[in-house]
């Protein structure tokens, strides 16, 4: 009986160790994903004054800022959005189904939420 309990505990420890290792080395397996349809729309910077908030819009034909198309090319894999305007590269990580975190340019950490009107 005692040997059975020890074996069960060993199996539990091994499974928890494997799960912990997987989470630590492959976080993309557990990251939230977003579809292209969820990405389309206007995104507005959060936790800043409304007049200072950065905003951009993603459409199937490109990225728009201030109502004009800024670029026709962007990459989106469900986890990250990346595009370049001029010499500036923008990189966003999907935080959850309604939030993007700007990674680059790395002036400061900022989060963007989809405008409710989009």
PDB file of N, CA and C in Angstrom:
ATOM      1  N   UNK A   1       0.827  -1.187   0.000  1.00  0.00           N
ATOM      2  CA  UNK A   1       0.000   0.000   0.000  1.00  0.00           C
ATOM      3  C   UNK A   1       0.875   1.257   0.000  1.00  0.00           C
ATOM      4  N   UNK A   2       1.909   1.236   0.834  1.00  0.00           N
ATOM      5  CA  UNK A   2       2.796   2.396   0.933  1.00  0.00           C
ATOM      6  C   UNK A   2       3.528   2.631  -0.389  1.00  0.00           C
ATOM      7  N   UNK A   3       3.941   1.570  -1.054  1.00  0.00           N
ATOM      8  CA  UNK A   3       4.635   1.677  -2.335  1.00  0.00           C
ATOM      9  C   UNK A   3       3.713   2.274  -3.403  1.00  0.00           C
ATOM     10  N   UNK A   4       2.452   1.939  -3.369  1.00  0.00           N
ATOM     11  CA  UNK A   4       1.478   2.481  -4.315  1.00  0.00           C
ATOM     12  C   UNK A   4       1.321   3.989  -4.121  1.00  0.00           C
ATOM     13  N   UNK A   5       1.239   4.427  -2.884  1.00  0.00           N
ATOM     14  CA  UNK A   5       1.123   5.863  -2.594  1.00  0.00           C
ATOM     15  C   UNK A   5       2.361   6.611  -3.070  1.00  0.00           C
ATOM     16  N   UNK A   6       3.536   6.022  -2.835  1.00  0.00           N
ATOM     17  CA  UNK A   6       4.771   6.661  -3.293  1.00  0.00           C
ATOM     18  C   UNK A   6       4.816   6.746  -4.814  1.00  0.00           C
ATOM     19  N   UNK A   7       4.365   5.695  -5.477  1.00  0.00           N
ATOM     20  CA  UNK A   7       4.340   5.688  -6.943  1.00  0.00           C
ATOM     21  C   UNK A   7       3.385   6.761  -7.469  1.00  0.00           C
ATOM     22  N   UNK A   8       2.226   6.877  -6.874  1.00  0.00           N
ATOM     23  CA  UNK A   8       1.245   7.892  -7.283  1.00  0.00           C
ATOM     24  C   UNK A   8       1.812   9.292  -7.072  1.00  0.00           C
ATOM     25  N   UNK A   9       2.465   9.511  -5.942  1.00  0.00           N
ATOM     26  CA  UNK A   9       3.079  10.823  -5.674  1.00  0.00           C
ATOM     27  C   UNK A   9       4.177  11.130  -6.690  1.00  0.00           C
ATOM     28  N   UNK A  10       4.976  10.128  -7.045  1.00  0.00           N
ATOM     29  CA  UNK A  10       6.031  10.307  -8.042  1.00  0.00           C
ATOM     30  C   UNK A  10       5.436  10.692  -9.388  1.00  0.00           C
ATOM     31  N   UNK A  11       4.372  10.020  -9.794  1.00  0.00           N
ATOM     32  CA  UNK A  11       3.711  10.331 -11.061  1.00  0.00           C
ATOM     33  C   UNK A  11       3.166  11.759 -11.035  1.00  0.00           C
ATOM     34  N   UNK A  12       2.546  12.159  -9.935  1.00  0.00           N
ATOM     35  CA  UNK A  12       2.006  13.519  -9.812  1.00  0.00           C
ATOM     36  C   UNK A  12       3.121  14.554  -9.920  1.00  0.00           C
ATOM     37  N   UNK A  13       4.223  14.311  -9.221  1.00  0.00           N
ATOM     38  CA  UNK A  13       5.355  15.246  -9.262  1.00  0.00           C
ATOM     39  C   UNK A  13       5.922  15.332 -10.683  1.00  0.00           C
ATOM     40  N   UNK A  14       6.054  14.200 -11.364  1.00  0.00           N
ATOM     41  CA  UNK A  14       6.573  14.203 -12.739  1.00  0.00           C
ATOM     42  C   UNK A  14       5.637  14.952 -13.686  1.00  0.00           C
ATOM     43  N   UNK A  15       4.347  14.742 -13.566  1.00  0.00           N
ATOM     44  CA  UNK A  15       3.381  15.429 -14.438  1.00  0.00           C
ATOM     45  C   UNK A  15       3.403  16.930 -14.160  1.00  0.00           C
ATOM     46  N   UNK A  16       3.404  17.324 -12.907  1.00  0.00           N
ATOM     47  CA  UNK A  16       3.458  18.753 -12.582  1.00  0.00           C
ATOM     48  C   UNK A  16       4.774  19.370 -13.059  1.00  0.00           C
ATOM     49  N   UNK A  17       5.851  18.650 -12.936  1.00  0.00           N
ATOM     50  CA  UNK A  17       7.143  19.137 -13.438  1.00  0.00           C
ATOM     51  C   UNK A  17       7.123  19.324 -14.942  1.00  0.00           C
ATOM     52  N   UNK A  18       6.535  18.375 -15.660  1.00  0.00           N
ATOM     53  CA  UNK A  18       6.448  18.459 -17.118  1.00  0.00           C
ATOM     54  C   UNK A  18       5.574  19.648 -17.531  1.00  0.00           C
ATOM     55  N   UNK A  19       4.448  19.838 -16.874  1.00  0.00           N
ATOM     56  CA  UNK A  19       3.563  20.968 -17.181  1.00  0.00           C
ATOM     57  C   UNK A  19       4.275  22.288 -16.895  1.00  0.00           C
ATOM     58  N   UNK A  20       4.955  22.379 -15.766  1.00  0.00           N
ATOM     59  CA  UNK A  20       5.682  23.609 -15.426  1.00  0.00           C
ATOM     60  C   UNK A  20       6.772  23.906 -16.442  1.00  0.00           C
ATOM     61  N   UNK A  21       7.501  22.895 -16.837  1.00  0.00           N
ATOM     62  CA  UNK A  21       8.555  23.065 -17.843  1.00  0.00           C
ATOM     63  C   UNK A  21       7.963  23.539 -19.170  1.00  0.00           C
ATOM     64  N   UNK A  22       6.855  22.949 -19.581  1.00  0.00           N
ATOM     65  CA  UNK A  22       6.209  23.330 -20.841  1.00  0.00           C
ATOM     66  C   UNK A  22       5.720  24.771 -20.792  1.00  0.00           C
ATOM     67  N   UNK A  23       5.106  25.162 -19.702  1.00  0.00           N
ATOM     68  CA  UNK A  23       4.626  26.544 -19.562  1.00  0.00           C
ATOM     69  C   UNK A  23       5.796  27.517 -19.600  1.00  0.00           C
ATOM     70  N   UNK A  24       6.898  27.172 -18.965  1.00  0.00           N
ATOM     71  CA  UNK A  24       8.055  28.067 -18.901  1.00  0.00           C
ATOM     72  C   UNK A  24       8.780  28.184 -20.233  1.00  0.00           C
ATOM     73  N   UNK A  25       8.831  27.112 -20.997  1.00  0.00           N
ATOM     74  CA  UNK A  25       9.617  27.124 -22.243  1.00  0.00           C
ATOM     75  C   UNK A  25       8.789  27.340 -23.490  1.00  0.00           C
ATOM     76  N   UNK A  26       7.489  27.151 -23.431  1.00  0.00           N
ATOM     77  CA  UNK A  26       6.618  27.309 -24.608  1.00  0.00           C
ATOM     78  C   UNK A  26       5.366  28.106 -24.250  1.00  0.00           C
ATOM     79  N   UNK A  27       5.516  29.373 -23.811  1.00  0.00           N
ATOM     80  CA  UNK A  27       4.340  30.139 -23.394  1.00  0.00           C
ATOM     81  C   UNK A  27       3.345  30.377 -24.524  1.00  0.00           C
ATOM     82  N   UNK A  28       3.815  30.326 -25.773  1.00  0.00           N
ATOM     83  CA  UNK A  28       2.897  30.556 -26.896  1.00  0.00           C
ATOM     84  C   UNK A  28       1.805  29.494 -26.974  1.00  0.00           C
ATOM     85  N   UNK A  29       2.047  28.316 -26.397  1.00  0.00           N
ATOM     86  CA  UNK A  29       1.015  27.278 -26.391  1.00  0.00           C
ATOM     87  C   UNK A  29      -0.184  27.675 -25.545  1.00  0.00           C
ATOM     88  N   UNK A  30       0.050  28.551 -24.572  1.00  0.00           N
ATOM     89  CA  UNK A  30      -0.999  28.933 -23.636  1.00  0.00           C
ATOM     90  C   UNK A  30      -1.459  30.374 -23.835  1.00  0.00           C
ATOM     91  N   UNK A  31      -0.879  31.056 -24.806  1.00  0.00           N
ATOM     92  CA  UNK A  31      -1.226  32.453 -25.065  1.00  0.00           C
ATOM     93  C   UNK A  31      -2.587  32.537 -25.751  1.00  0.00           C
ATOM     94  N   UNK A  32      -3.310  33.608 -25.488  1.00  0.00           N
ATOM     95  CA  UNK A  32      -4.585  33.775 -26.181  1.00  0.00           C
ATOM     96  C   UNK A  32      -4.349  34.062 -27.657  1.00  0.00           C
ATOM     97  N   UNK A  33      -5.251  33.604 -28.491  1.00  0.00           N
ATOM     98  CA  UNK A  33      -5.156  33.838 -29.924  1.00  0.00           C
ATOM     99  C   UNK A  33      -6.320  34.713 -30.363  1.00  0.00           C
ATOM    100  N   UNK A  34      -6.100  35.422 -31.453  1.00  0.00           N
ATOM    101  CA  UNK A  34      -7.115  36.308 -32.002  1.00  0.00           C
ATOM    102  C   UNK A  34      -7.242  35.989 -33.485  1.00  0.00           C
ATOM    103  N   UNK A  35      -8.462  36.048 -33.996  1.00  0.00           N
ATOM    104  CA  UNK A  35      -8.675  35.824 -35.419  1.00  0.00           C
ATOM    105  C   UNK A  35      -8.496  37.143 -36.174  1.00  0.00           C
ATOM    106  N   UNK A  36      -8.327  37.047 -37.490  1.00  0.00           N
ATOM    107  CA  UNK A  36      -8.235  38.256 -38.307  1.00  0.00           C
ATOM    108  C   UNK A  36      -9.476  39.117 -38.134  1.00  0.00           C
ATOM    109  N   UNK A  37     -10.631  38.493 -38.089  1.00  0.00           N
ATOM    110  CA  UNK A  37     -11.881  39.243 -37.951  1.00  0.00           C
ATOM    111  C   UNK A  37     -11.918  40.020 -36.633  1.00  0.00           C
ATOM    112  N   UNK A  38     -11.389  39.431 -35.568  1.00  0.00           N
ATOM    113  CA  UNK A  38     -11.335  40.129 -34.282  1.00  0.00           C
ATOM    114  C   UNK A  38     -10.332  41.283 -34.322  1.00  0.00           C
ATOM    115  N   UNK A  39      -9.302  41.156 -35.151  1.00  0.00           N
ATOM    116  CA  UNK A  39      -8.270  42.186 -35.243  1.00  0.00           C
ATOM    117  C   UNK A  39      -8.773  43.422 -35.983  1.00  0.00           C
ATOM    118  N   UNK A  40      -9.617  43.227 -36.981  1.00  0.00           N
ATOM    119  CA  UNK A  40     -10.078  44.359 -37.799  1.00  0.00           C
ATOM    120  C   UNK A  40     -10.866  45.354 -36.956  1.00  0.00           C
ATOM    121  N   UNK A  41     -10.553  46.627 -37.159  1.00  0.00           N
ATOM    122  CA  UNK A  41     -11.240  47.694 -36.444  1.00  0.00           C
ATOM    123  C   UNK A  41     -10.241  48.706 -35.929  1.00  0.00           C
ATOM    124  N   UNK A  42     -10.758  49.693 -35.212  1.00  0.00           N
ATOM    125  CA  UNK A  42      -9.906  50.756 -34.676  1.00  0.00           C
ATOM    126  C   UNK A  42      -9.476  50.403 -33.256  1.00  0.00           C
ATOM    127  N   UNK A  43      -8.186  50.590 -32.982  1.00  0.00           N
ATOM    128  CA  UNK A  43      -7.590  50.312 -31.686  1.00  0.00           C
ATOM    129  C   UNK A  43      -7.139  51.628 -31.064  1.00  0.00           C
ATOM    130  N   UNK A  44      -7.476  51.819 -29.785  1.00  0.00           N
ATOM    131  CA  UNK A  44      -7.208  53.078 -29.091  1.00  0.00           C
ATOM    132  C   UNK A  44      -6.372  52.796 -27.847  1.00  0.00           C
ATOM    133  N   UNK A  45      -5.324  53.606 -27.662  1.00  0.00           N
ATOM    134  CA  UNK A  45      -4.460  53.476 -26.488  1.00  0.00           C
ATOM    135  C   UNK A  45      -5.259  53.738 -25.221  1.00  0.00           C
ATOM    136  N   UNK A  46      -5.001  52.941 -24.205  1.00  0.00           N
ATOM    137  CA  UNK A  46      -5.730  53.025 -22.941  1.00  0.00           C
ATOM    138  C   UNK A  46      -4.894  53.718 -21.860  1.00  0.00           C
ATOM    139  N   UNK A  47      -5.569  54.207 -20.854  1.00  0.00           N
ATOM    140  CA  UNK A  47      -4.948  54.802 -19.667  1.00  0.00           C
ATOM    141  C   UNK A  47      -4.124  56.046 -19.973  1.00  0.00           C
ATOM    142  N   UNK A  48      -4.523  56.785 -21.003  1.00  0.00           N
ATOM    143  CA  UNK A  48      -3.940  58.095 -21.300  1.00  0.00           C
ATOM    144  C   UNK A  48      -5.094  59.043 -21.581  1.00  0.00           C
ATOM    145  N   UNK A  49      -4.815  60.329 -21.541  1.00  0.00           N
ATOM    146  CA  UNK A  49      -5.859  61.316 -21.833  1.00  0.00           C
ATOM    147  C   UNK A  49      -6.384  61.077 -23.251  1.00  0.00           C
ATOM    148  N   UNK A  50      -7.695  61.202 -23.460  1.00  0.00           N
ATOM    149  CA  UNK A  50      -8.275  60.934 -24.779  1.00  0.00           C
ATOM    150  C   UNK A  50      -7.614  61.730 -25.911  1.00  0.00           C
ATOM    151  N   UNK A  51      -7.232  62.974 -25.660  1.00  0.00           N
ATOM    152  CA  UNK A  51      -6.622  63.784 -26.719  1.00  0.00           C
ATOM    153  C   UNK A  51      -5.195  63.336 -27.037  1.00  0.00           C
ATOM    154  N   UNK A  52      -4.559  62.576 -26.138  1.00  0.00           N
ATOM    155  CA  UNK A  52      -3.181  62.125 -26.347  1.00  0.00           C
ATOM    156  C   UNK A  52      -3.094  60.659 -26.770  1.00  0.00           C
ATOM    157  N   UNK A  53      -4.233  59.985 -26.815  1.00  0.00           N
ATOM    158  CA  UNK A  53      -4.237  58.552 -27.107  1.00  0.00           C
ATOM    159  C   UNK A  53      -3.824  58.281 -28.548  1.00  0.00           C
ATOM    160  N   UNK A  54      -2.919  57.331 -28.705  1.00  0.00           N
ATOM    161  CA  UNK A  54      -2.533  56.855 -30.024  1.00  0.00           C
ATOM    162  C   UNK A  54      -3.648  55.944 -30.514  1.00  0.00           C
ATOM    163  N   UNK A  55      -3.893  55.955 -31.810  1.00  0.00           N
ATOM    164  CA  UNK A  55      -4.925  55.084 -32.364  1.00  0.00           C
ATOM    165  C   UNK A  55      -4.535  54.663 -33.769  1.00  0.00           C
ATOM    166  N   UNK A  56      -4.981  53.498 -34.149  1.00  0.00           N
ATOM    167  CA  UNK A  56      -4.753  52.990 -35.498  1.00  0.00           C
ATOM    168  C   UNK A  56      -5.895  52.049 -35.850  1.00  0.00           C
ATOM    169  N   UNK A  57      -6.066  51.817 -37.135  1.00  0.00           N
ATOM    170  CA  UNK A  57      -7.137  50.935 -37.590  1.00  0.00           C
ATOM    171  C   UNK A  57      -6.550  49.856 -38.488  1.00  0.00           C
ATOM    172  N   UNK A  58      -6.982  48.623 -38.262  1.00  0.00           N
ATOM    173  CA  UNK A  58      -6.555  47.496 -39.094  1.00  0.00           C
ATOM    174  C   UNK A  58      -7.730  47.116 -39.987  1.00  0.00           C
ATOM    175  N   UNK A  59      -7.458  47.076 -41.280  1.00  0.00           N
ATOM    176  CA  UNK A  59      -8.432  46.620 -42.273  1.00  0.00           C
ATOM    177  C   UNK A  59      -7.756  45.538 -43.109  1.00  0.00           C
ATOM    178  N   UNK A  60      -8.528  44.776 -43.855  1.00  0.00           N
ATOM    179  CA  UNK A  60      -7.908  43.743 -44.687  1.00  0.00           C
ATOM    180  C   UNK A  60      -6.872  44.304 -45.676  1.00  0.00           C
ATOM    181  N   UNK A  61      -7.046  45.572 -46.076  1.00  0.00           N
ATOM    182  CA  UNK A  61      -6.129  46.143 -47.073  1.00  0.00           C
ATOM    183  C   UNK A  61      -4.993  46.965 -46.470  1.00  0.00           C
ATOM    184  N   UNK A  62      -4.839  46.982 -45.124  1.00  0.00           N
ATOM    185  CA  UNK A  62      -3.712  47.691 -44.541  1.00  0.00           C
ATOM    186  C   UNK A  62      -3.984  48.295 -43.178  1.00  0.00           C
ATOM    187  N   UNK A  63      -3.014  49.098 -42.744  1.00  0.00           N
ATOM    188  CA  UNK A  63      -3.080  49.785 -41.450  1.00  0.00           C
ATOM    189  C   UNK A  63      -3.334  51.261 -41.720  1.00  0.00           C
ATOM    190  N   UNK A  64      -4.287  51.841 -41.022  1.00  0.00           N
ATOM    191  CA  UNK A  64      -4.668  53.231 -41.206  1.00  0.00           C
ATOM    192  C   UNK A  64      -4.375  54.031 -39.939  1.00  0.00           C
ATOM    193  N   UNK A  65      -3.850  55.237 -40.119  1.00  0.00           N
ATOM    194  CA  UNK A  65      -3.693  56.186 -39.026  1.00  0.00           C
ATOM    195  C   UNK A  65      -4.225  57.525 -39.506  1.00  0.00           C
ATOM    196  N   UNK A  66      -4.918  58.219 -38.651  1.00  0.00           N
ATOM    197  CA  UNK A  66      -5.505  59.526 -38.980  1.00  0.00           C
ATOM    198  C   UNK A  66      -6.354  59.466 -40.248  1.00  0.00           C
ATOM    199  N   UNK A  67      -7.045  58.355 -40.450  1.00  0.00           N
ATOM    200  CA  UNK A  67      -7.944  58.217 -41.585  1.00  0.00           C
ATOM    201  C   UNK A  67      -7.280  57.878 -42.912  1.00  0.00           C
ATOM    202  N   UNK A  68      -5.960  57.806 -42.946  1.00  0.00           N
ATOM    203  CA  UNK A  68      -5.244  57.498 -44.191  1.00  0.00           C
ATOM    204  C   UNK A  68      -4.510  56.175 -44.051  1.00  0.00           C
ATOM    205  N   UNK A  69      -4.414  55.468 -45.171  1.00  0.00           N
ATOM    206  CA  UNK A  69      -3.683  54.205 -45.139  1.00  0.00           C
ATOM    207  C   UNK A  69      -2.200  54.495 -44.991  1.00  0.00           C
ATOM    208  N   UNK A  70      -1.595  53.955 -43.925  1.00  0.00           N
ATOM    209  CA  UNK A  70      -0.181  54.184 -43.644  1.00  0.00           C
ATOM    210  C   UNK A  70       0.690  53.097 -44.247  1.00  0.00           C
ATOM    211  N   UNK A  71       0.166  51.893 -44.353  1.00  0.00           N
ATOM    212  CA  UNK A  71       0.899  50.788 -44.967  1.00  0.00           C
ATOM    213  C   UNK A  71      -0.096  49.730 -45.428  1.00  0.00           C
ATOM    214  N   UNK A  72       0.277  49.043 -46.486  1.00  0.00           N
ATOM    215  CA  UNK A  72      -0.584  47.974 -47.004  1.00  0.00           C
ATOM    216  C   UNK A  72      -0.132  46.608 -46.508  1.00  0.00           C
ATOM    217  N   UNK A  73       1.020  46.562 -45.860  1.00  0.00           N
ATOM    218  CA  UNK A  73       1.566  45.277 -45.422  1.00  0.00           C
ATOM    219  C   UNK A  73       1.657  45.198 -43.905  1.00  0.00           C
ATOM    220  N   UNK A  74       1.173  44.095 -43.385  1.00  0.00           N
ATOM    221  CA  UNK A  74       1.332  43.803 -41.972  1.00  0.00           C
ATOM    222  C   UNK A  74       1.325  42.288 -41.817  1.00  0.00           C
ATOM    223  N   UNK A  75       1.920  41.828 -40.732  1.00  0.00           N
ATOM    224  CA  UNK A  75       1.939  40.402 -40.433  1.00  0.00           C
ATOM    225  C   UNK A  75       1.150  40.177 -39.142  1.00  0.00           C
ATOM    226  N   UNK A  76       0.289  39.178 -39.179  1.00  0.00           N
ATOM    227  CA  UNK A  76      -0.485  38.825 -37.999  1.00  0.00           C
ATOM    228  C   UNK A  76      -0.626  37.314 -37.954  1.00  0.00           C
ATOM    229  N   UNK A  77      -0.184  36.713 -36.843  1.00  0.00           N
ATOM    230  CA  UNK A  77      -0.236  35.261 -36.711  1.00  0.00           C
ATOM    231  C   UNK A  77      -1.195  34.787 -35.617  1.00  0.00           C
ATOM    232  N   UNK A  78      -2.028  35.686 -35.118  1.00  0.00           N
ATOM    233  CA  UNK A  78      -2.949  35.337 -34.041  1.00  0.00           C
ATOM    234  C   UNK A  78      -2.401  35.687 -32.673  1.00  0.00           C
ATOM    235  N   UNK A  79      -1.075  35.828 -32.574  1.00  0.00           N
ATOM    236  CA  UNK A  79      -0.426  36.178 -31.313  1.00  0.00           C
ATOM    237  C   UNK A  79       0.243  37.545 -31.372  1.00  0.00           C
ATOM    238  N   UNK A  80       0.770  37.907 -32.544  1.00  0.00           N
ATOM    239  CA  UNK A  80       1.493  39.165 -32.687  1.00  0.00           C
ATOM    240  C   UNK A  80       1.092  39.861 -33.985  1.00  0.00           C
ATOM    241  N   UNK A  81       1.042  41.188 -33.906  1.00  0.00           N
ATOM    242  CA  UNK A  81       0.795  42.050 -35.059  1.00  0.00           C
ATOM    243  C   UNK A  81       2.057  42.874 -35.271  1.00  0.00           C
ATOM    244  N   UNK A  82       2.534  42.916 -36.513  1.00  0.00           N
ATOM    245  CA  UNK A  82       3.747  43.668 -36.813  1.00  0.00           C
ATOM    246  C   UNK A  82       3.560  44.397 -38.137  1.00  0.00           C
ATOM    247  N   UNK A  83       3.955  45.682 -38.142  1.00  0.00           N
ATOM    248  CA  UNK A  83       3.933  46.469 -39.373  1.00  0.00           C
ATOM    249  C   UNK A  83       4.975  47.572 -39.280  1.00  0.00           C
ATOM    250  N   UNK A  84       5.318  48.134 -40.419  1.00  0.00           N
ATOM    251  CA  UNK A  84       6.313  49.196 -40.477  1.00  0.00           C
ATOM    252  C   UNK A  84       5.715  50.399 -41.176  1.00  0.00           C
ATOM    253  N   UNK A  85       5.915  51.567 -40.592  1.00  0.00           N
ATOM    254  CA  UNK A  85       5.533  52.836 -41.212  1.00  0.00           C
ATOM    255  C   UNK A  85       6.807  53.659 -41.287  1.00  0.00           C
ATOM    256  N   UNK A  86       7.260  53.928 -42.497  1.00  0.00           N
ATOM    257  CA  UNK A  86       8.529  54.625 -42.674  1.00  0.00           C
ATOM    258  C   UNK A  86       9.653  53.752 -42.151  1.00  0.00           C
ATOM    259  N   UNK A  87      10.395  54.279 -41.194  1.00  0.00           N
ATOM    260  CA  UNK A  87      11.485  53.506 -40.600  1.00  0.00           C
ATOM    261  C   UNK A  87      11.104  52.942 -39.231  1.00  0.00           C
ATOM    262  N   UNK A  88       9.889  53.187 -38.788  1.00  0.00           N
ATOM    263  CA  UNK A  88       9.429  52.768 -37.451  1.00  0.00           C
ATOM    264  C   UNK A  88       8.676  51.443 -37.559  1.00  0.00           C
ATOM    265  N   UNK A  89       9.125  50.451 -36.798  1.00  0.00           N
ATOM    266  CA  UNK A  89       8.452  49.157 -36.750  1.00  0.00           C
ATOM    267  C   UNK A  89       7.577  49.100 -35.506  1.00  0.00           C
ATOM    268  N   UNK A  90       6.352  48.639 -35.686  1.00  0.00           N
ATOM    269  CA  UNK A  90       5.391  48.503 -34.595  1.00  0.00           C
ATOM    270  C   UNK A  90       5.129  47.023 -34.369  1.00  0.00           C
ATOM    271  N   UNK A  91       5.182  46.614 -33.119  1.00  0.00           N
ATOM    272  CA  UNK A  91       4.938  45.229 -32.751  1.00  0.00           C
ATOM    273  C   UNK A  91       3.979  45.206 -31.564  1.00  0.00           C
ATOM    274  N   UNK A  92       2.910  44.445 -31.695  1.00  0.00           N
ATOM    275  CA  UNK A  92       1.899  44.308 -30.652  1.00  0.00           C
ATOM    276  C   UNK A  92       1.731  42.831 -30.326  1.00  0.00           C
ATOM    277  N   UNK A  93       1.488  42.551 -29.057  1.00  0.00           N
ATOM    278  CA  UNK A  93       1.223  41.195 -28.605  1.00  0.00           C
ATOM    279  C   UNK A  93      -0.228  41.127 -28.156  1.00  0.00           C
ATOM    280  N   UNK A  94      -0.907  40.040 -28.516  1.00  0.00           N
ATOM    281  CA  UNK A  94      -2.289  39.847 -28.085  1.00  0.00           C
ATOM    282  C   UNK A  94      -2.283  39.564 -26.593  1.00  0.00           C
ATOM    283  N   UNK A  95      -2.915  40.439 -25.832  1.00  0.00           N
ATOM    284  CA  UNK A  95      -3.038  40.272 -24.382  1.00  0.00           C
ATOM    285  C   UNK A  95      -4.235  39.366 -24.085  1.00  0.00           C
ATOM    286  N   UNK A  96      -5.346  39.675 -24.708  1.00  0.00           N
ATOM    287  CA  UNK A  96      -6.542  38.846 -24.650  1.00  0.00           C
ATOM    288  C   UNK A  96      -7.377  39.190 -25.880  1.00  0.00           C
ATOM    289  N   UNK A  97      -8.592  38.685 -25.971  1.00  0.00           N
ATOM    290  CA  UNK A  97      -9.395  38.863 -27.176  1.00  0.00           C
ATOM    291  C   UNK A  97      -9.756  40.316 -27.467  1.00  0.00           C
ATOM    292  N   UNK A  98      -9.562  41.209 -26.486  1.00  0.00           N
ATOM    293  CA  UNK A  98      -9.952  42.602 -26.668  1.00  0.00           C
ATOM    294  C   UNK A  98      -8.819  43.592 -26.422  1.00  0.00           C
ATOM    295  N   UNK A  99      -7.606  43.103 -26.182  1.00  0.00           N
ATOM    296  CA  UNK A  99      -6.509  43.989 -25.821  1.00  0.00           C
ATOM    297  C   UNK A  99      -5.212  43.600 -26.520  1.00  0.00           C
ATOM    298  N   UNK A 100      -4.519  44.618 -27.030  1.00  0.00           N
ATOM    299  CA  UNK A 100      -3.181  44.446 -27.591  1.00  0.00           C
ATOM    300  C   UNK A 100      -2.192  45.215 -26.722  1.00  0.00           C
ATOM    301  N   UNK A 101      -1.000  44.649 -26.517  1.00  0.00           N
ATOM    302  CA  UNK A 101       0.065  45.336 -25.798  1.00  0.00           C
ATOM    303  C   UNK A 101       1.132  45.738 -26.800  1.00  0.00           C
ATOM    304  N   UNK A 102       1.485  47.037 -26.807  1.00  0.00           N
ATOM    305  CA  UNK A 102       2.533  47.494 -27.724  1.00  0.00           C
ATOM    306  C   UNK A 102       3.892  47.120 -27.136  1.00  0.00           C
ATOM    307  N   UNK A 103       4.666  46.380 -27.917  1.00  0.00           N
ATOM    308  CA  UNK A 103       6.005  45.952 -27.518  1.00  0.00           C
ATOM    309  C   UNK A 103       7.044  46.901 -28.124  1.00  0.00           C
ATOM    310  N   UNK A 104       6.857  47.263 -29.378  1.00  0.00           N
ATOM    311  CA  UNK A 104       7.760  48.189 -30.075  1.00  0.00           C
ATOM    312  C   UNK A 104       6.917  49.239 -30.783  1.00  0.00           C
ATOM    313  N   UNK A 105       7.352  50.468 -30.877  1.00  0.00           N
ATOM    314  CA  UNK A 105       8.533  51.020 -30.229  1.00  0.00           C
ATOM    315  C   UNK A 105       8.326  51.040 -28.717  1.00  0.00           C
ATOM    316  N   UNK A 106       9.385  50.802 -28.006  1.00  0.00           N
ATOM    317  CA  UNK A 106       9.317  50.583 -26.560  1.00  0.00           C
ATOM    318  C   UNK A 106       9.516  51.863 -25.762  1.00  0.00           C
ATOM    319  N   UNK A 107       8.744  52.904 -26.063  1.00  0.00           N
ATOM    320  CA  UNK A 107       8.823  54.137 -25.276  1.00  0.00           C
ATOM    321  C   UNK A 107       8.353  53.861 -23.845  1.00  0.00           C
ATOM    322  N   UNK A 108       7.237  53.161 -23.751  1.00  0.00           N
ATOM    323  CA  UNK A 108       6.643  52.776 -22.478  1.00  0.00           C
ATOM    324  C   UNK A 108       5.639  51.686 -22.785  1.00  0.00           C
ATOM    325  N   UNK A 109       5.254  50.938 -21.791  1.00  0.00           N
ATOM    326  CA  UNK A 109       4.269  49.881 -22.005  1.00  0.00           C
ATOM    327  C   UNK A 109       2.907  50.523 -22.199  1.00  0.00           C
ATOM    328  N   UNK A 110       2.266  50.168 -23.287  1.00  0.00           N
ATOM    329  CA  UNK A 110       0.928  50.709 -23.514  1.00  0.00           C
ATOM    330  C   UNK A 110       0.011  49.606 -24.036  1.00  0.00           C
ATOM    331  N   UNK A 111      -1.241  49.730 -23.673  1.00  0.00           N
ATOM    332  CA  UNK A 111      -2.240  48.764 -24.065  1.00  0.00           C
ATOM    333  C   UNK A 111      -3.284  49.448 -24.938  1.00  0.00           C
ATOM    334  N   UNK A 112      -3.790  48.705 -25.906  1.00  0.00           N
ATOM    335  CA  UNK A 112      -4.783  49.214 -26.840  1.00  0.00           C
ATOM    336  C   UNK A 112      -6.022  48.335 -26.769  1.00  0.00           C
ATOM    337  N   UNK A 113      -7.175  48.989 -26.739  1.00  0.00           N
ATOM    338  CA  UNK A 113      -8.450  48.291 -26.751  1.00  0.00           C
ATOM    339  C   UNK A 113      -9.180  48.661 -28.022  1.00  0.00           C
ATOM    340  N   UNK A 114      -9.972  47.732 -28.489  1.00  0.00           N
ATOM    341  CA  UNK A 114     -10.737  47.988 -29.703  1.00  0.00           C
ATOM    342  C   UNK A 114     -11.821  49.013 -29.400  1.00  0.00           C
ATOM    343  N   UNK A 115     -11.922  50.003 -30.277  1.00  0.00           N
ATOM    344  CA  UNK A 115     -12.954  51.019 -30.142  1.00  0.00           C
ATOM    345  C   UNK A 115     -14.311  50.328 -30.270  1.00  0.00           C
ATOM    346  N   UNK A 116     -15.198  50.619 -29.364  1.00  0.00           N
ATOM    347  CA  UNK A 116     -16.504  49.955 -29.343  1.00  0.00           C
ATOM    348  C   UNK A 116     -17.326  50.221 -30.595  1.00  0.00           C
ATOM    349  N   UNK A 117     -17.008  51.288 -31.309  1.00  0.00           N
ATOM    350  CA  UNK A 117     -17.753  51.610 -32.535  1.00  0.00           C
ATOM    351  C   UNK A 117     -17.300  50.755 -33.706  1.00  0.00           C
ATOM    352  N   UNK A 118     -16.125  50.056 -33.599  1.00  0.00           N
ATOM    353  CA  UNK A 118     -15.632  49.260 -34.731  1.00  0.00           C
ATOM    354  C   UNK A 118     -16.192  47.868 -34.719  1.00  0.00           C
TER     355      UNK A 118
END
